[in-house]
Structure formats: C-alpha cells, structure tokens
Amino acid sequence: MSSEEYKKAFLFLSNKCSKKEISSREALVLSAKFHLKMVEKNNLINELKKKEFINHLRYAKAFVHDKFIFYKWGKVKIIHHLRQKGIEEELINEAIEEINQKQYLIVLKEEAQKKHLSMNTPNDFKSKQKILKFLSQKGFETELVITEVSKIFD
C-alpha cells in the first residue's frame, strides 16, 4: 500500500481537498492520472475520508450554500447536482434544510421579477411561459414557481 505512486496520489488529493471541498467521485476522477489499481484508489479515498479530507456532509453544505447564494439555484437543481456527484440522500436532505425558507422565497420572487422586467414584452401567455421555464431551469419547485408567476401577472 505504500507504493510511491500511492503516496504521490495521496499528497496530490490531500492538497486538493485542503483547498476546495471535493466528493469521493471527484477524487476518484482526479486519481485517474496516477497509475493505481482500483483497490488502491478505493483505499486512497477511504484514507482521505478517515483523515477528514473528504467529508460529504461538509461538501453538501458548502455546495448548497454556494449554489443558492451566488448562483440563485433552486432546491431541485441543487439536489440533482449533488446526486450526480454521488452524495448520499440523507446528507443532501440535511444540507438542503439549511436553506432559510423565507430567504428562498425572497430569491424566487426577485428572480421572477428580474426576468419579467428584462423581457420588455406584454403581459401575455408567452411571457408567463418564459418566466415559468426560466425559474424551472433555475431549479425552483413547480408549485412555488406557478404561485409566484401568478402574483406577477395578476
């Protein structure tokens, strides 16, 4: 287990992890540049987890925070991306709960109004559809999107 390549991979990945949160799946992809057997890669990732370089809950919380605050993503899109990164469902749920619901609704409202103002089109069905599509692509829940868009067009 103490091969030179393994040590290099551990050093490389521990350095990466200390600068930026990464998931196990991302670590596995990064470890591909080293000539390790799959067993060694798995052991490497387990060692990184034991030493707290990789922590999926910490990763999920940071991801949720950044995508919501900086990119104004909705919960649906955030959950989808975390699942793609191989984060466990219970950890995703725990991280998503950290979004303040009041703040979430404020962001939804701001994004809807910003899109509406940028369109410069009449208040017709097409405009409504464009805003619905935009907010859905941002990852907001359909029920909330419909409610918010209805408020704008009433």
C-alpha atoms as a PDB file:
ATOM      1  CA  MET A   1       0.000   0.000   0.000  1.00  0.00           C
ATOM      2  CA  SER A   2       2.943   2.344   0.461  1.00  0.00           C
ATOM      3  CA  SER A   3       3.892   2.476  -3.192  1.00  0.00           C
ATOM      4  CA  GLU A   4       5.471   5.669  -4.441  1.00  0.00           C
ATOM      5  CA  GLU A   5       2.533   6.298  -6.790  1.00  0.00           C
ATOM      6  CA  TYR A   6       0.049   5.882  -3.918  1.00  0.00           C
ATOM      7  CA  LYS A   7       1.975   8.413  -1.827  1.00  0.00           C
ATOM      8  CA  LYS A   8       2.026  10.894  -4.698  1.00  0.00           C
ATOM      9  CA  ALA A   9      -1.723  10.446  -5.233  1.00  0.00           C
ATOM     10  CA  PHE A  10      -2.431  10.901  -1.527  1.00  0.00           C
ATOM     11  CA  LEU A  11      -0.323  14.044  -1.373  1.00  0.00           C
ATOM     12  CA  PHE A  12      -1.948  15.440  -4.516  1.00  0.00           C
ATOM     13  CA  LEU A  13      -5.510  14.720  -3.377  1.00  0.00           C
ATOM     14  CA  SER A  14      -4.990  15.842   0.217  1.00  0.00           C
ATOM     15  CA  ASN A  15      -3.609  19.107  -1.149  1.00  0.00           C
ATOM     16  CA  LYS A  16      -6.648  19.487  -3.451  1.00  0.00           C
ATOM     17  CA  CYS A  17      -9.028  18.714  -0.583  1.00  0.00           C
ATOM     18  CA  SER A  18      -7.406  21.257   1.701  1.00  0.00           C
ATOM     19  CA  LYS A  19      -8.046  23.999  -0.864  1.00  0.00           C
ATOM     20  CA  LYS A  20     -11.518  23.018  -2.031  1.00  0.00           C
ATOM     21  CA  GLU A  21     -14.233  20.589  -0.955  1.00  0.00           C
ATOM     22  CA  ILE A  22     -14.400  17.577  -3.270  1.00  0.00           C
ATOM     23  CA  SER A  23     -16.574  14.484  -3.255  1.00  0.00           C
ATOM     24  CA  SER A  24     -15.396  10.881  -3.397  1.00  0.00           C
ATOM     25  CA  ARG A  25     -16.466  10.669  -7.018  1.00  0.00           C
ATOM     26  CA  GLU A  26     -14.433  13.753  -7.913  1.00  0.00           C
ATOM     27  CA  ALA A  27     -11.451  12.334  -6.003  1.00  0.00           C
ATOM     28  CA  LEU A  28     -11.762   9.098  -7.967  1.00  0.00           C
ATOM     29  CA  VAL A  29     -11.704  11.041 -11.245  1.00  0.00           C
ATOM     30  CA  LEU A  30      -8.682  13.061 -10.098  1.00  0.00           C
ATOM     31  CA  SER A  31      -6.859   9.899  -9.046  1.00  0.00           C
ATOM     32  CA  ALA A  32      -7.064   8.573 -12.605  1.00  0.00           C
ATOM     33  CA  LYS A  33      -3.897  10.462 -13.507  1.00  0.00           C
ATOM     34  CA  PHE A  34      -1.966   8.151 -11.177  1.00  0.00           C
ATOM     35  CA  HIS A  35      -1.248   4.550 -12.112  1.00  0.00           C
ATOM     36  CA  LEU A  36      -3.165   2.881  -9.295  1.00  0.00           C
ATOM     37  CA  LYS A  37      -5.262  -0.243  -9.198  1.00  0.00           C
ATOM     38  CA  MET A  38      -8.933   0.194  -8.358  1.00  0.00           C
ATOM     39  CA  VAL A  39      -8.357  -1.300  -4.899  1.00  0.00           C
ATOM     40  CA  GLU A  40      -5.644   1.273  -4.241  1.00  0.00           C
ATOM     41  CA  LYS A  41      -7.913   4.091  -5.433  1.00  0.00           C
ATOM     42  CA  ASN A  42     -10.656   2.928  -3.078  1.00  0.00           C
ATOM     43  CA  ASN A  43      -8.186   2.663  -0.197  1.00  0.00           C
ATOM     44  CA  LEU A  44      -6.909   6.122  -1.009  1.00  0.00           C
ATOM     45  CA  ILE A  45     -10.411   7.598  -0.895  1.00  0.00           C
ATOM     46  CA  ASN A  46     -11.167   5.759   2.356  1.00  0.00           C
ATOM     47  CA  GLU A  47      -7.972   7.126   3.893  1.00  0.00           C
ATOM     48  CA  LEU A  48      -8.905  10.648   2.788  1.00  0.00           C
ATOM     49  CA  LYS A  49     -12.315  10.175   4.421  1.00  0.00           C
ATOM     50  CA  LYS A  50     -10.798   8.863   7.661  1.00  0.00           C
ATOM     51  CA  LYS A  51      -8.482  11.856   7.854  1.00  0.00           C
ATOM     52  CA  GLU A  52     -11.435  14.199   7.162  1.00  0.00           C
ATOM     53  CA  PHE A  53     -10.059  15.487   3.869  1.00  0.00           C
ATOM     54  CA  ILE A  54     -13.249  14.221   2.237  1.00  0.00           C
ATOM     55  CA  ASN A  55     -16.471  14.762   4.140  1.00  0.00           C
ATOM     56  CA  HIS A  56     -19.688  14.514   2.141  1.00  0.00           C
ATOM     57  CA  LEU A  57     -21.828  16.424   4.639  1.00  0.00           C
ATOM     58  CA  ARG A  58     -19.392  19.323   4.691  1.00  0.00           C
ATOM     59  CA  TYR A  59     -19.205  19.160   0.888  1.00  0.00           C
ATOM     60  CA  ALA A  60     -23.005  19.136   0.512  1.00  0.00           C
ATOM     61  CA  LYS A  61     -23.456  22.091   2.876  1.00  0.00           C
ATOM     62  CA  ALA A  62     -20.815  24.136   1.050  1.00  0.00           C
ATOM     63  CA  PHE A  63     -22.300  23.227  -2.335  1.00  0.00           C
ATOM     64  CA  VAL A  64     -25.837  24.144  -1.246  1.00  0.00           C
ATOM     65  CA  HIS A  65     -24.671  27.433   0.235  1.00  0.00           C
ATOM     66  CA  ASP A  66     -22.650  28.476  -2.792  1.00  0.00           C
ATOM     67  CA  LYS A  67     -25.174  27.498  -5.452  1.00  0.00           C
ATOM     68  CA  PHE A  68     -28.062  29.157  -3.622  1.00  0.00           C
ATOM     69  CA  ILE A  69     -26.309  32.363  -2.520  1.00  0.00           C
ATOM     70  CA  PHE A  70     -24.100  33.032  -5.551  1.00  0.00           C
ATOM     71  CA  TYR A  71     -25.999  31.409  -8.431  1.00  0.00           C
ATOM     72  CA  LYS A  72     -29.579  31.622  -7.107  1.00  0.00           C
ATOM     73  CA  TRP A  73     -30.296  27.962  -7.836  1.00  0.00           C
ATOM     74  CA  GLY A  74     -33.435  26.315  -6.547  1.00  0.00           C
ATOM     75  CA  LYS A  75     -33.562  23.185  -4.411  1.00  0.00           C
ATOM     76  CA  VAL A  76     -34.459  20.842  -7.276  1.00  0.00           C
ATOM     77  CA  LYS A  77     -31.364  21.747  -9.304  1.00  0.00           C
ATOM     78  CA  ILE A  78     -29.097  21.622  -6.254  1.00  0.00           C
ATOM     79  CA  ILE A  79     -30.385  18.175  -5.254  1.00  0.00           C
ATOM     80  CA  HIS A  80     -29.968  16.883  -8.795  1.00  0.00           C
ATOM     81  CA  HIS A  81     -26.343  18.037  -8.986  1.00  0.00           C
ATOM     82  CA  LEU A  82     -25.490  16.601  -5.565  1.00  0.00           C
ATOM     83  CA  ARG A  83     -26.926  13.240  -6.609  1.00  0.00           C
ATOM     84  CA  GLN A  84     -24.763  13.344  -9.743  1.00  0.00           C
ATOM     85  CA  LYS A  85     -21.736  13.892  -7.527  1.00  0.00           C
ATOM     86  CA  GLY A  86     -22.529  10.743  -5.557  1.00  0.00           C
ATOM     87  CA  ILE A  87     -23.600  12.396  -2.302  1.00  0.00           C
ATOM     88  CA  GLU A  88     -25.809  10.270  -0.053  1.00  0.00           C
ATOM     89  CA  GLU A  89     -29.517  11.178   0.057  1.00  0.00           C
ATOM     90  CA  GLU A  90     -29.680  11.766   3.829  1.00  0.00           C
ATOM     91  CA  LEU A  91     -26.731  14.169   3.613  1.00  0.00           C
ATOM     92  CA  ILE A  92     -28.363  16.012   0.726  1.00  0.00           C
ATOM     93  CA  ASN A  93     -31.540  16.419   2.753  1.00  0.00           C
ATOM     94  CA  GLU A  94     -29.620  17.670   5.771  1.00  0.00           C
ATOM     95  CA  ALA A  95     -27.753  20.231   3.669  1.00  0.00           C
ATOM     96  CA  ILE A  96     -30.913  21.403   1.861  1.00  0.00           C
ATOM     97  CA  GLU A  97     -32.621  22.034   5.212  1.00  0.00           C
ATOM     98  CA  GLU A  98     -30.038  24.745   5.890  1.00  0.00           C
ATOM     99  CA  ILE A  99     -31.628  26.988   3.260  1.00  0.00           C
ATOM    100  CA  ASN A 100     -33.779  29.533   5.041  1.00  0.00           C
ATOM    101  CA  GLN A 101     -37.295  29.145   3.574  1.00  0.00           C
ATOM    102  CA  LYS A 102     -38.063  32.843   3.927  1.00  0.00           C
ATOM    103  CA  GLN A 103     -34.849  33.760   2.076  1.00  0.00           C
ATOM    104  CA  TYR A 104     -35.605  31.077  -0.527  1.00  0.00           C
ATOM    105  CA  LEU A 105     -38.975  32.644  -1.337  1.00  0.00           C
ATOM    106  CA  ILE A 106     -37.412  36.117  -1.492  1.00  0.00           C
ATOM    107  CA  VAL A 107     -34.830  34.889  -4.023  1.00  0.00           C
ATOM    108  CA  LEU A 108     -37.566  33.219  -6.083  1.00  0.00           C
ATOM    109  CA  LYS A 109     -39.567  36.451  -6.116  1.00  0.00           C
ATOM    110  CA  GLU A 110     -36.512  38.561  -7.050  1.00  0.00           C
ATOM    111  CA  GLU A 111     -35.531  36.207  -9.874  1.00  0.00           C
ATOM    112  CA  ALA A 112     -39.096  36.180 -11.244  1.00  0.00           C
ATOM    113  CA  GLN A 113     -39.366  39.970 -11.157  1.00  0.00           C
ATOM    114  CA  LYS A 114     -35.907  40.444 -12.660  1.00  0.00           C
ATOM    115  CA  LYS A 115     -36.787  38.148 -15.569  1.00  0.00           C
ATOM    116  CA  HIS A 116     -40.151  39.855 -16.060  1.00  0.00           C
ATOM    117  CA  LEU A 117     -38.553  43.312 -16.193  1.00  0.00           C
ATOM    118  CA  SER A 118     -35.821  42.182 -18.600  1.00  0.00           C
ATOM    119  CA  MET A 119     -38.277  40.782 -21.154  1.00  0.00           C
ATOM    120  CA  ASN A 120     -39.861  44.060 -22.362  1.00  0.00           C
ATOM    121  CA  THR A 121     -42.859  42.146 -23.667  1.00  0.00           C
ATOM    122  CA  PRO A 122     -46.550  42.474 -22.926  1.00  0.00           C
ATOM    123  CA  ASN A 123     -48.135  40.527 -20.097  1.00  0.00           C
ATOM    124  CA  ASP A 124     -49.401  37.681 -22.239  1.00  0.00           C
ATOM    125  CA  PHE A 125     -49.326  33.892 -22.114  1.00  0.00           C
ATOM    126  CA  LYS A 126     -45.920  33.642 -23.851  1.00  0.00           C
ATOM    127  CA  SER A 127     -44.313  35.952 -21.304  1.00  0.00           C
ATOM    128  CA  LYS A 128     -45.758  33.893 -18.491  1.00  0.00           C
ATOM    129  CA  GLN A 129     -44.416  30.688 -20.080  1.00  0.00           C
ATOM    130  CA  LYS A 130     -40.928  32.171 -20.476  1.00  0.00           C
ATOM    131  CA  ILE A 131     -40.763  33.122 -16.807  1.00  0.00           C
ATOM    132  CA  LEU A 132     -42.105  29.704 -15.765  1.00  0.00           C
ATOM    133  CA  LYS A 133     -39.470  27.977 -17.896  1.00  0.00           C
ATOM    134  CA  PHE A 134     -36.677  30.242 -16.619  1.00  0.00           C
ATOM    135  CA  LEU A 135     -37.499  29.620 -12.954  1.00  0.00           C
ATOM    136  CA  SER A 136     -37.923  25.895 -13.526  1.00  0.00           C
ATOM    137  CA  GLN A 137     -34.499  25.732 -15.168  1.00  0.00           C
ATOM    138  CA  LYS A 138     -33.059  27.537 -12.146  1.00  0.00           C
ATOM    139  CA  GLY A 139     -34.360  24.598 -10.109  1.00  0.00           C
ATOM    140  CA  PHE A 140     -37.287  26.059  -8.214  1.00  0.00           C
ATOM    141  CA  GLU A 141     -40.234  23.819  -7.383  1.00  0.00           C
ATOM    142  CA  THR A 142     -43.106  23.925  -9.869  1.00  0.00           C
ATOM    143  CA  GLU A 143     -45.791  24.813  -7.291  1.00  0.00           C
ATOM    144  CA  LEU A 144     -43.771  27.765  -5.970  1.00  0.00           C
ATOM    145  CA  VAL A 145     -42.964  28.954  -9.490  1.00  0.00           C
ATOM    146  CA  ILE A 146     -46.615  28.891 -10.573  1.00  0.00           C
ATOM    147  CA  THR A 147     -47.676  30.769  -7.446  1.00  0.00           C
ATOM    148  CA  GLU A 148     -45.014  33.448  -7.899  1.00  0.00           C
ATOM    149  CA  VAL A 149     -45.653  33.937 -11.611  1.00  0.00           C
ATOM    150  CA  SER A 150     -49.392  34.221 -10.945  1.00  0.00           C
ATOM    151  CA  LYS A 151     -48.691  37.059  -8.497  1.00  0.00           C
ATOM    152  CA  ILE A 152     -46.723  38.942 -11.153  1.00  0.00           C
ATOM    153  CA  PHE A 153     -49.455  38.661 -13.792  1.00  0.00           C
ATOM    154  CA  ASP A 154     -52.396  39.481 -11.505  1.00  0.00           C
END
